Amino acid sequence: MKLSRRKFLHAAAGGAFAPAAARLASASDYPTRPVHLIIGYPPGGSADLTARLTGQWLSERLGQQFIVESRPGAATNIATESVIRATPDGYTLLLAAPANATNVALFAQLNFDFIRDVTPIAGIIRFPDVVDVNLSVPVHSIPELISYAKANPGKLNFASSGIGSTLHVAGELFKMMAGVDIVHVPYRGGGPALVDLMSGRMQLVFDNLPTSIEFIKAGKLRPLAVTTTARSAVVPDLPTVAEFVPGYEASAWYGLVAPKGTPAEIVNKLNKAINAMLADPAAKARFVDLGASLLPGSAADFGNLIAAETEKWGKVIRFAGIKPE
């Protein structure tokens, strides 16, 4: 039986609208199955902890499991690309981190453009690094560190979790602004860097406060200052680096992004859930215990933070001539 032109066009139009209607329906019901939250770091660090606290909250709030998956490697680019290439339906999310900002300048050729290819959802937390020295290093403040480094150029080593990591670029920014010559030694992760710092193989580290705090409390490291513009409530007696090096600021941050094209209704639903988490006293207390400040706000607010961090650290990486391993 022949189909008339009018009936054919009507059927075609109905078919074209059907997927859109299905997408709208799925967005309003979202999530109807488990969601995968990907991190580009090994388990056990601050990214893993942040993802698990967030995933637990979202699971309880939205009624489906948010499964945290660790896909380390290539300076988080493996995890990032896997999310960017995923179907933009809200079921594959990325815990975005400073590496996503630094990698833009660090790697000459990436298979993606992070800012272009993701949809920001919400910021979660921001926390300072802390300048730690081994107990044998004869300095107890940032001014003493600067004086000692200038008197002993090239003799102090600072460890990091890898080339281009937040720990690395924080140290490079300090070198640039304080005018000191200290030698960077990259490790494959923050854990091994801290082990060698405490053993005396390394003298200095610009470490994420959540991973250093227990060693500081145990007296195994000597903290000199935090790297944010304001002092941390967790270590309120520690000054900021900026009190001695005006304008210095370095911090780590985490938030959620999705593949570009994820429906706005899903993005809004997740954003509201994250902001509700950051307003919840119990959840807030857990993050604050890590030394973190909260990043409530819109998806656009988080997108602006990513753009600003990308520009800032790009300048540091180009100035220092940092190249990937």
Protein backbone atom coordinates (compact mmCIF):
# COMPACT_ATOMS: atom_id res chain seq x y z
CA MET A 1 0.00 0.00 0.00
CA LYS A 2 1.33 3.40 -1.00
CA LEU A 3 1.78 6.07 1.62
CA SER A 4 0.60 9.53 0.55
CA ARG A 5 3.10 12.40 0.64
CA ARG A 6 1.04 14.15 3.36
CA LYS A 7 0.90 11.00 5.52
CA PHE A 8 4.62 10.36 4.96
CA LEU A 9 5.57 13.88 6.08
CA HIS A 10 3.25 13.63 9.06
CA ALA A 11 4.81 10.31 10.08
CA ALA A 12 8.33 11.67 9.59
CA ALA A 13 7.56 14.73 11.69
CA GLY A 14 6.12 12.56 14.44
CA GLY A 15 9.27 10.42 14.37
CA ALA A 16 11.48 13.48 14.63
CA PHE A 17 9.66 14.74 17.69
CA ALA A 18 9.55 11.34 19.41
CA PRO A 19 13.24 11.30 20.52
CA ALA A 20 12.92 14.86 21.85
CA ALA A 21 9.83 13.90 23.82
CA ALA A 22 11.66 10.84 25.15
CA ARG A 23 14.60 12.99 26.22
CA LEU A 24 12.29 15.39 28.06
CA ALA A 25 10.57 12.51 29.80
CA SER A 26 13.87 10.97 30.84
CA ALA A 27 15.12 14.33 32.10
CA SER A 28 12.09 14.85 34.32
CA ASP A 29 12.40 11.31 35.75
CA TYR A 30 16.18 11.42 36.08
CA PRO A 31 17.85 9.34 37.34
CA THR A 32 16.16 6.03 36.58
CA ARG A 33 19.33 3.92 36.76
CA PRO A 34 22.77 4.14 38.41
CA VAL A 35 24.97 7.13 37.57
CA HIS A 36 28.73 6.79 37.10
CA LEU A 37 30.87 9.50 38.71
CA ILE A 38 34.37 9.31 37.23
CA ILE A 39 37.52 10.61 38.92
CA GLY A 40 40.96 10.85 37.33
CA TYR A 41 42.86 9.93 40.49
CA PRO A 42 43.64 6.76 42.46
CA PRO A 43 41.43 5.87 45.44
CA GLY A 44 42.27 7.30 48.84
CA GLY A 45 43.04 10.92 48.03
CA SER A 46 41.03 14.09 48.41
CA ALA A 47 39.34 13.64 45.00
CA ASP A 48 38.17 10.15 45.93
CA LEU A 49 36.91 11.33 49.32
CA THR A 50 35.07 14.29 47.78
CA ALA A 51 33.49 12.08 45.12
CA ARG A 52 32.34 9.49 47.65
CA LEU A 53 30.81 12.03 50.01
CA THR A 54 29.06 13.67 47.06
CA GLY A 55 28.00 10.36 45.54
CA GLN A 56 26.53 9.17 48.83
CA TRP A 57 24.52 12.38 49.19
CA LEU A 58 23.22 12.26 45.61
CA SER A 59 22.33 8.57 45.95
CA GLU A 60 20.23 9.28 49.02
CA ARG A 61 18.76 12.49 47.59
CA LEU A 62 17.89 11.26 44.09
CA GLY A 63 17.09 7.62 44.76
CA GLN A 64 19.68 5.96 42.50
CA GLN A 65 23.24 4.84 43.13
CA PHE A 66 26.01 7.26 42.14
CA ILE A 67 28.93 4.90 41.59
CA VAL A 68 32.42 6.39 41.95
CA GLU A 69 34.88 5.02 39.40
CA SER A 70 38.60 5.74 39.56
CA ARG A 71 40.32 5.99 36.16
CA PRO A 72 43.77 7.43 36.86
CA GLY A 73 46.37 8.05 34.21
CA ALA A 74 47.67 10.64 31.75
CA ALA A 75 47.27 13.47 34.27
CA THR A 76 43.48 12.83 34.49
CA ASN A 77 43.08 13.00 30.68
CA ILE A 78 41.96 9.36 30.44
CA ALA A 79 39.07 9.94 32.83
CA THR A 80 38.22 13.30 31.29
CA GLU A 81 38.07 12.01 27.73
CA SER A 82 35.96 9.00 28.75
CA VAL A 83 33.33 11.37 30.13
CA ILE A 84 33.49 13.80 27.22
CA ARG A 85 32.90 10.91 24.80
CA ALA A 86 30.04 9.48 26.85
CA THR A 87 26.38 9.89 25.92
CA PRO A 88 25.20 13.29 27.23
CA ASP A 89 22.32 11.89 29.24
CA GLY A 90 23.44 12.62 32.80
CA TYR A 91 24.51 9.06 33.57
CA THR A 92 28.25 9.69 33.22
CA LEU A 93 29.70 12.61 35.20
CA LEU A 94 33.23 13.83 35.95
CA LEU A 95 34.64 15.18 39.16
CA ALA A 96 36.42 18.17 37.62
CA ALA A 97 39.66 19.27 39.28
CA PRO A 98 42.51 21.75 38.81
CA ALA A 99 44.28 19.32 36.48
CA ASN A 100 41.53 20.00 33.97
CA ALA A 101 42.60 23.66 34.02
CA THR A 102 46.36 23.09 33.97
CA ASN A 103 46.31 20.43 31.26
CA VAL A 104 45.13 22.95 28.69
CA ALA A 105 48.55 24.65 28.76
CA LEU A 106 50.53 21.57 29.76
CA PHE A 107 49.62 19.39 26.79
CA ALA A 108 50.12 20.76 23.29
CA GLN A 109 47.69 18.30 21.74
CA LEU A 110 44.63 16.94 23.49
CA ASN A 111 41.80 15.02 21.89
CA PHE A 112 39.32 17.45 23.40
CA ASP A 113 38.82 21.06 24.44
CA PHE A 114 37.74 20.85 28.07
CA ILE A 115 35.88 24.15 28.33
CA ARG A 116 34.16 23.60 24.99
CA ASP A 117 33.32 19.94 25.46
CA VAL A 118 31.82 19.84 28.96
CA THR A 119 28.74 21.26 30.63
CA PRO A 120 29.46 22.66 34.12
CA ILE A 121 27.03 21.45 36.78
CA ALA A 122 28.17 22.76 40.17
CA GLY A 123 31.18 23.57 42.26
CA ILE A 124 31.60 21.54 45.44
CA ILE A 125 34.61 22.57 47.53
CA ARG A 126 37.80 24.56 47.44
CA PHE A 127 40.65 24.04 49.87
CA PRO A 128 44.15 25.38 50.43
CA ASP A 129 47.47 23.78 49.94
CA VAL A 130 49.75 23.95 52.94
CA VAL A 131 53.48 24.59 52.77
CA ASP A 132 55.09 21.75 54.73
CA VAL A 133 58.76 21.18 55.49
CA ASN A 134 60.60 18.22 56.92
CA LEU A 135 61.33 18.67 60.63
CA SER A 136 65.08 18.87 59.96
CA VAL A 137 64.79 21.93 57.70
CA PRO A 138 65.87 24.97 59.78
CA VAL A 139 62.94 27.22 58.89
CA HIS A 140 59.73 27.96 60.79
CA SER A 141 58.05 30.61 58.63
CA ILE A 142 57.67 31.75 55.04
CA PRO A 143 60.16 34.64 55.50
CA GLU A 144 62.70 32.15 56.90
CA LEU A 145 62.03 29.79 53.99
CA ILE A 146 62.62 32.56 51.46
CA SER A 147 65.83 33.67 53.21
CA TYR A 148 67.12 30.09 53.46
CA ALA A 149 66.32 29.35 49.81
CA LYS A 150 68.07 32.54 48.65
CA ALA A 151 71.13 31.69 50.76
CA ASN A 152 71.16 28.14 49.39
CA PRO A 153 70.02 28.37 45.75
CA GLY A 154 69.18 25.02 44.15
CA LYS A 155 69.74 23.07 47.38
CA LEU A 156 66.14 22.81 48.54
CA ASN A 157 63.91 20.23 46.85
CA PHE A 158 60.15 20.40 46.72
CA ALA A 159 58.14 17.27 46.01
CA SER A 160 54.86 17.12 44.11
CA SER A 161 52.34 14.56 42.94
CA GLY A 162 53.54 14.94 39.35
CA ILE A 163 54.50 17.39 36.64
CA GLY A 164 51.74 19.94 36.12
CA SER A 165 49.87 18.86 39.26
CA THR A 166 48.39 21.45 41.59
CA LEU A 167 51.21 20.74 44.03
CA HIS A 168 53.74 21.44 41.28
CA VAL A 169 52.22 24.66 39.92
CA ALA A 170 51.69 26.01 43.44
CA GLY A 171 55.41 25.60 44.02
CA GLU A 172 56.28 27.18 40.68
CA LEU A 173 54.07 30.17 41.45
CA PHE A 174 55.88 30.55 44.78
CA LYS A 175 59.28 30.37 43.07
CA MET A 176 58.19 32.99 40.54
CA MET A 177 56.71 35.43 43.05
CA ALA A 178 59.27 34.98 45.86
CA GLY A 179 62.27 34.92 43.50
CA VAL A 180 63.79 31.71 44.87
CA ASP A 181 65.56 28.76 43.27
CA ILE A 182 64.18 25.48 44.61
CA VAL A 183 64.23 22.22 42.65
CA HIS A 184 61.06 20.38 41.71
CA VAL A 185 60.99 16.59 42.14
CA PRO A 186 57.86 14.94 40.70
CA TYR A 187 56.37 11.78 42.20
CA ARG A 188 53.62 9.49 40.97
CA GLY A 189 51.09 10.71 43.48
CA GLY A 190 50.92 12.80 46.61
CA GLY A 191 51.22 9.81 48.95
CA PRO A 192 54.77 8.82 47.91
CA ALA A 193 55.80 12.49 47.96
CA LEU A 194 54.68 12.83 51.58
CA VAL A 195 56.44 9.60 52.57
CA ASP A 196 59.74 10.92 51.23
CA LEU A 197 59.14 14.33 52.81
CA MET A 198 58.69 12.77 56.24
CA SER A 199 61.73 10.50 55.74
CA GLY A 200 63.93 13.49 54.90
CA ARG A 201 64.56 12.64 51.25
CA MET A 202 62.60 15.77 50.36
CA GLN A 203 62.61 19.06 52.23
CA LEU A 204 59.45 20.85 51.11
CA VAL A 205 55.98 20.28 49.65
CA PHE A 206 52.97 22.37 48.72
CA ASP A 207 50.40 19.76 49.69
CA ASN A 208 46.60 19.65 49.75
CA LEU A 209 45.60 20.43 53.32
CA PRO A 210 43.19 17.44 53.64
CA THR A 211 46.02 14.96 52.96
CA SER A 212 48.56 16.71 55.21
CA ILE A 213 46.38 17.57 58.18
CA GLU A 214 46.75 14.28 60.10
CA PHE A 215 50.54 14.31 59.71
CA ILE A 216 50.60 17.92 60.89
CA LYS A 217 48.50 17.06 63.95
CA ALA A 218 50.78 14.09 64.66
CA GLY A 219 53.85 16.33 64.59
CA LYS A 220 55.42 14.56 61.61
CA LEU A 221 55.51 17.67 59.41
CA ARG A 222 56.12 21.34 60.10
CA PRO A 223 53.53 23.56 58.40
CA LEU A 224 54.55 27.09 57.49
CA ALA A 225 51.49 28.62 55.84
CA VAL A 226 48.36 27.95 53.83
CA THR A 227 48.12 29.05 50.22
CA THR A 228 44.63 30.58 50.09
CA THR A 229 44.01 34.29 50.59
CA ALA A 230 42.25 33.64 53.92
CA ARG A 231 43.42 31.53 56.84
CA SER A 232 41.94 28.07 57.28
CA ALA A 233 39.55 27.33 60.14
CA VAL A 234 41.19 23.92 60.52
CA VAL A 235 44.64 25.43 61.21
CA PRO A 236 43.70 28.99 62.24
CA ASP A 237 47.12 29.80 63.69
CA LEU A 238 48.84 29.25 60.35
CA PRO A 239 49.34 32.43 58.33
CA THR A 240 48.76 32.63 54.60
CA VAL A 241 51.63 32.79 52.13
CA ALA A 242 50.07 36.04 50.88
CA GLU A 243 50.80 37.70 54.21
CA PHE A 244 54.48 37.60 53.17
CA VAL A 245 54.23 37.27 49.38
CA PRO A 246 51.43 39.69 48.43
CA GLY A 247 49.07 38.40 45.78
CA TYR A 248 50.04 34.74 46.12
CA GLU A 249 47.10 32.32 45.95
CA ALA A 250 46.85 28.65 45.09
CA SER A 251 44.08 26.24 45.96
CA ALA A 252 42.54 23.00 44.88
CA TRP A 253 38.88 22.67 43.95
CA TYR A 254 36.37 20.06 42.86
CA GLY A 255 33.04 20.20 41.11
CA LEU A 256 30.85 18.25 38.71
CA VAL A 257 30.70 18.48 34.94
CA ALA A 258 28.90 16.45 32.30
CA PRO A 259 29.40 15.89 28.58
CA LYS A 260 28.40 18.81 26.39
CA GLY A 261 24.76 18.55 25.36
CA THR A 262 23.48 17.13 28.65
CA PRO A 263 19.87 18.36 29.03
CA ALA A 264 19.52 21.56 31.02
CA GLU A 265 16.81 20.00 33.18
CA ILE A 266 19.25 17.33 34.35
CA VAL A 267 21.99 19.90 34.96
CA ASN A 268 19.59 22.02 37.00
CA LYS A 269 18.42 19.03 39.02
CA LEU A 270 21.97 18.04 39.88
CA ASN A 271 22.95 21.64 40.65
CA LYS A 272 20.05 21.99 43.10
CA ALA A 273 21.00 18.70 44.77
CA ILE A 274 24.65 19.76 45.16
CA ASN A 275 23.65 23.12 46.61
CA ALA A 276 21.31 21.35 49.02
CA MET A 277 24.24 19.17 50.11
CA LEU A 278 26.43 22.23 50.70
CA ALA A 279 23.66 23.75 52.84
CA ASP A 280 23.15 20.59 54.91
CA PRO A 281 24.83 20.98 58.33
CA ALA A 282 26.12 17.40 58.53
CA ALA A 283 27.52 17.33 54.99
CA LYS A 284 28.94 20.82 55.40
CA ALA A 285 30.69 19.80 58.61
CA ARG A 286 32.38 16.84 56.92
CA PHE A 287 33.83 19.05 54.21
CA VAL A 288 34.85 21.78 56.65
CA ASP A 289 36.68 19.15 58.73
CA LEU A 290 38.89 18.62 55.68
CA GLY A 291 39.84 22.29 55.68
CA ALA A 292 37.61 23.01 52.71
CA SER A 293 35.46 26.00 51.93
CA LEU A 294 32.25 25.43 50.02
CA LEU A 295 31.45 26.48 46.46
CA PRO A 296 27.68 26.94 46.30
CA GLY A 297 26.30 28.62 43.20
CA SER A 298 25.00 28.16 39.71
CA ALA A 299 26.40 26.04 36.90
CA ALA A 300 27.58 29.27 35.29
CA ASP A 301 29.46 30.22 38.48
CA PHE A 302 31.41 26.97 38.31
CA GLY A 303 32.06 27.46 34.60
CA ASN A 304 33.52 30.89 35.36
CA LEU A 305 35.82 29.41 38.01
CA ILE A 306 37.12 26.81 35.54
CA ALA A 307 37.80 29.50 32.94
CA ALA A 308 39.60 31.74 35.44
CA GLU A 309 41.77 28.90 36.76
CA THR A 310 42.63 27.82 33.20
CA GLU A 311 43.86 31.31 32.37
CA LYS A 312 45.79 31.76 35.64
CA TRP A 313 47.68 28.48 35.64
CA GLY A 314 48.30 28.65 31.90
CA LYS A 315 50.39 31.77 32.54
CA VAL A 316 52.38 30.02 35.30
CA ILE A 317 53.02 26.92 33.20
CA ARG A 318 54.19 28.96 30.21
CA PHE A 319 56.40 31.19 32.40
CA ALA A 320 58.02 28.20 34.11
CA GLY A 321 58.36 26.27 30.85
CA ILE A 322 56.67 23.21 32.35
CA LYS A 323 56.45 20.24 29.98
CA PRO A 324 54.58 16.96 30.53
CA GLU A 325 56.47 13.82 31.48
